[in-house]
Amino acid sequence: MNNIATPKNDLPAQDFLALGLREVAYVKPIAVGDGEGSRLVFAIHTANGAAVGAAETQEQAFAAIRENGLEPVHLH
């Protein structure tokens, strides 16, 4: 007997996009600048992908997210 769940496709796209919208925010390291002058910052995005901020360190990004009642998730 196979115990692997089969995903259902009956969730409307709009509902799928809203999953986690009020629960999580994502942190993604990005390079800012060109060449020698570039530096790494940590972009903060809502669950629907909207950029809402950036921080100098991952720890600062996570703290800002938690201060706003959300759970941080790291993207790479």
N, C-alpha and C. Protein backbone atom coordinates (compact mmCIF):
# COMPACT_ATOMS: atom_id res chain seq x y z
N MET A 1 0.84 -1.18 0.00
CA MET A 1 0.00 0.00 0.00
C MET A 1 0.89 1.25 0.00
N ASN A 2 0.55 2.23 -0.81
CA ASN A 2 1.31 3.46 -0.94
C ASN A 2 0.72 4.53 -0.02
N ASN A 3 1.53 5.09 0.90
CA ASN A 3 1.06 6.09 1.85
C ASN A 3 1.42 7.51 1.44
N ILE A 4 1.83 7.71 0.20
CA ILE A 4 2.21 9.04 -0.27
C ILE A 4 0.96 9.81 -0.64
N ALA A 5 0.83 11.01 -0.08
CA ALA A 5 -0.33 11.85 -0.37
C ALA A 5 -0.26 12.39 -1.79
N THR A 6 -1.39 12.46 -2.43
CA THR A 6 -1.48 13.03 -3.76
C THR A 6 -2.00 14.45 -3.65
N PRO A 7 -1.25 15.42 -4.17
CA PRO A 7 -1.71 16.81 -4.06
C PRO A 7 -2.99 17.03 -4.86
N LYS A 8 -3.84 17.89 -4.33
CA LYS A 8 -5.08 18.24 -5.01
C LYS A 8 -4.90 19.59 -5.67
N ASN A 9 -5.56 19.78 -6.78
CA ASN A 9 -5.48 21.04 -7.51
C ASN A 9 -6.76 21.84 -7.38
N ASP A 10 -7.50 21.64 -6.29
CA ASP A 10 -8.77 22.34 -6.15
C ASP A 10 -8.67 23.64 -5.35
N LEU A 11 -7.46 24.04 -4.99
CA LEU A 11 -7.26 25.31 -4.28
C LEU A 11 -7.13 26.42 -5.33
N PRO A 12 -8.03 27.38 -5.30
CA PRO A 12 -7.94 28.47 -6.28
C PRO A 12 -6.60 29.20 -6.18
N ALA A 13 -6.10 29.66 -7.31
CA ALA A 13 -4.79 30.32 -7.37
C ALA A 13 -4.70 31.49 -6.39
N GLN A 14 -5.74 32.28 -6.27
CA GLN A 14 -5.73 33.44 -5.37
C GLN A 14 -5.58 32.99 -3.92
N ASP A 15 -6.24 31.90 -3.55
CA ASP A 15 -6.12 31.36 -2.19
C ASP A 15 -4.71 30.82 -1.95
N PHE A 16 -4.15 30.16 -2.97
CA PHE A 16 -2.79 29.64 -2.84
C PHE A 16 -1.80 30.77 -2.61
N LEU A 17 -1.95 31.87 -3.34
CA LEU A 17 -1.06 33.01 -3.19
C LEU A 17 -1.16 33.64 -1.81
N ALA A 18 -2.32 33.53 -1.18
CA ALA A 18 -2.54 34.15 0.12
C ALA A 18 -2.03 33.28 1.28
N LEU A 19 -1.64 32.03 1.02
CA LEU A 19 -1.17 31.16 2.10
C LEU A 19 0.03 31.78 2.78
N GLY A 20 -0.03 31.90 4.07
CA GLY A 20 1.08 32.42 4.86
C GLY A 20 1.22 33.93 4.83
N LEU A 21 0.34 34.62 4.11
CA LEU A 21 0.49 36.06 3.93
C LEU A 21 0.55 36.81 5.26
N ARG A 22 -0.19 36.36 6.24
CA ARG A 22 -0.21 37.04 7.54
C ARG A 22 0.59 36.30 8.60
N GLU A 23 1.41 35.33 8.14
CA GLU A 23 2.15 34.51 9.10
C GLU A 23 3.66 34.53 8.90
N VAL A 24 4.11 34.62 7.65
CA VAL A 24 5.55 34.52 7.39
C VAL A 24 6.03 35.68 6.52
N ALA A 25 7.32 35.93 6.63
CA ALA A 25 8.02 36.86 5.73
C ALA A 25 9.34 36.19 5.39
N TYR A 26 9.81 36.45 4.20
CA TYR A 26 11.01 35.79 3.69
C TYR A 26 12.20 36.74 3.68
N VAL A 27 13.36 36.20 3.98
CA VAL A 27 14.61 36.97 3.96
C VAL A 27 15.51 36.36 2.90
N LYS A 28 15.98 37.22 2.01
CA LYS A 28 16.82 36.76 0.91
C LYS A 28 18.06 37.63 0.81
N PRO A 29 19.25 37.03 0.86
CA PRO A 29 20.47 37.82 0.70
C PRO A 29 20.59 38.30 -0.75
N ILE A 30 20.89 39.57 -0.93
CA ILE A 30 21.07 40.13 -2.27
C ILE A 30 22.30 41.03 -2.27
N ALA A 31 22.94 41.10 -3.42
CA ALA A 31 24.09 41.99 -3.60
C ALA A 31 23.58 43.34 -4.09
N VAL A 32 24.09 44.40 -3.48
CA VAL A 32 23.73 45.76 -3.86
C VAL A 32 25.00 46.46 -4.32
N GLY A 33 24.96 47.09 -5.46
CA GLY A 33 26.12 47.79 -5.99
C GLY A 33 26.83 46.97 -7.04
N ASP A 34 27.90 47.55 -7.58
CA ASP A 34 28.66 46.90 -8.64
C ASP A 34 30.10 46.66 -8.23
N GLY A 35 30.65 45.55 -8.69
CA GLY A 35 32.07 45.26 -8.53
C GLY A 35 32.57 45.34 -7.11
N GLU A 36 33.68 46.04 -6.92
CA GLU A 36 34.33 46.16 -5.62
C GLU A 36 33.43 46.85 -4.59
N GLY A 37 32.54 47.73 -5.05
CA GLY A 37 31.69 48.47 -4.13
C GLY A 37 30.42 47.74 -3.74
N SER A 38 30.25 46.50 -4.20
CA SER A 38 29.01 45.79 -3.86
C SER A 38 29.06 45.28 -2.43
N ARG A 39 27.88 45.13 -1.86
CA ARG A 39 27.78 44.61 -0.50
C ARG A 39 26.53 43.75 -0.40
N LEU A 40 26.48 42.92 0.59
CA LEU A 40 25.37 42.02 0.80
C LEU A 40 24.38 42.64 1.78
N VAL A 41 23.11 42.67 1.42
CA VAL A 41 22.05 43.09 2.33
C VAL A 41 21.00 41.98 2.34
N PHE A 42 20.07 42.06 3.27
CA PHE A 42 19.06 41.03 3.42
C PHE A 42 17.69 41.63 3.16
N ALA A 43 17.14 41.31 1.98
CA ALA A 43 15.84 41.82 1.56
C ALA A 43 14.74 41.08 2.31
N ILE A 44 13.70 41.81 2.67
CA ILE A 44 12.55 41.24 3.38
C ILE A 44 11.35 41.30 2.44
N HIS A 45 10.70 40.14 2.25
CA HIS A 45 9.55 40.04 1.36
C HIS A 45 8.37 39.41 2.09
N THR A 46 7.16 39.85 1.76
CA THR A 46 5.97 39.21 2.30
C THR A 46 5.76 37.88 1.58
N ALA A 47 4.82 37.10 2.05
CA ALA A 47 4.57 35.78 1.47
C ALA A 47 4.14 35.86 0.01
N ASN A 48 3.56 36.98 -0.40
CA ASN A 48 3.16 37.11 -1.81
C ASN A 48 4.27 37.68 -2.68
N GLY A 49 5.46 37.87 -2.12
CA GLY A 49 6.61 38.30 -2.89
C GLY A 49 6.89 39.79 -2.89
N ALA A 50 6.04 40.58 -2.26
CA ALA A 50 6.24 42.03 -2.23
C ALA A 50 7.42 42.38 -1.33
N ALA A 51 8.34 43.19 -1.85
CA ALA A 51 9.49 43.64 -1.06
C ALA A 51 9.01 44.71 -0.08
N VAL A 52 9.36 44.54 1.20
CA VAL A 52 8.90 45.49 2.22
C VAL A 52 10.04 46.11 3.01
N GLY A 53 11.27 45.66 2.77
CA GLY A 53 12.38 46.26 3.50
C GLY A 53 13.67 45.53 3.26
N ALA A 54 14.70 46.01 3.95
CA ALA A 54 16.01 45.38 3.87
C ALA A 54 16.75 45.68 5.17
N ALA A 55 17.72 44.83 5.47
CA ALA A 55 18.51 45.01 6.68
C ALA A 55 19.97 44.71 6.36
N GLU A 56 20.86 45.25 7.18
CA GLU A 56 22.29 45.04 6.99
C GLU A 56 22.71 43.61 7.34
N THR A 57 22.01 42.98 8.29
CA THR A 57 22.36 41.61 8.68
C THR A 57 21.10 40.74 8.68
N GLN A 58 21.30 39.43 8.59
CA GLN A 58 20.17 38.51 8.65
C GLN A 58 19.50 38.60 10.02
N GLU A 59 20.28 38.77 11.06
CA GLU A 59 19.73 38.86 12.41
C GLU A 59 18.81 40.07 12.53
N GLN A 60 19.21 41.21 11.96
CA GLN A 60 18.36 42.40 11.99
C GLN A 60 17.07 42.18 11.20
N ALA A 61 17.18 41.51 10.07
CA ALA A 61 15.99 41.21 9.26
C ALA A 61 15.03 40.32 10.03
N PHE A 62 15.55 39.26 10.64
CA PHE A 62 14.70 38.35 11.42
C PHE A 62 14.04 39.09 12.59
N ALA A 63 14.80 39.95 13.26
CA ALA A 63 14.25 40.70 14.40
C ALA A 63 13.13 41.62 13.94
N ALA A 64 13.31 42.30 12.82
CA ALA A 64 12.28 43.20 12.30
C ALA A 64 11.02 42.44 11.95
N ILE A 65 11.18 41.27 11.37
CA ILE A 65 10.03 40.44 11.01
C ILE A 65 9.28 40.01 12.26
N ARG A 66 10.02 39.53 13.26
CA ARG A 66 9.38 39.07 14.51
C ARG A 66 8.70 40.22 15.25
N GLU A 67 9.29 41.42 15.19
CA GLU A 67 8.68 42.59 15.83
C GLU A 67 7.32 42.92 15.21
N ASN A 68 7.12 42.48 13.98
CA ASN A 68 5.86 42.72 13.29
C ASN A 68 4.93 41.52 13.33
N GLY A 69 5.21 40.58 14.23
CA GLY A 69 4.33 39.45 14.48
C GLY A 69 4.35 38.37 13.43
N LEU A 70 5.41 38.31 12.63
CA LEU A 70 5.52 37.29 11.59
C LEU A 70 6.67 36.35 11.91
N GLU A 71 6.69 35.22 11.23
CA GLU A 71 7.78 34.25 11.39
C GLU A 71 8.71 34.36 10.20
N PRO A 72 10.01 34.59 10.45
CA PRO A 72 10.95 34.71 9.34
C PRO A 72 11.31 33.36 8.71
N VAL A 73 11.50 33.37 7.40
CA VAL A 73 11.93 32.21 6.65
C VAL A 73 13.08 32.64 5.76
N HIS A 74 14.19 31.91 5.77
CA HIS A 74 15.37 32.27 4.99
C HIS A 74 15.28 31.65 3.60
N LEU A 75 15.50 32.46 2.58
CA LEU A 75 15.60 31.97 1.19
C LEU A 75 17.04 32.05 0.76
N HIS A 76 17.46 31.13 -0.11
CA HIS A 76 18.82 31.22 -0.63
C HIS A 76 18.82 30.95 -2.11
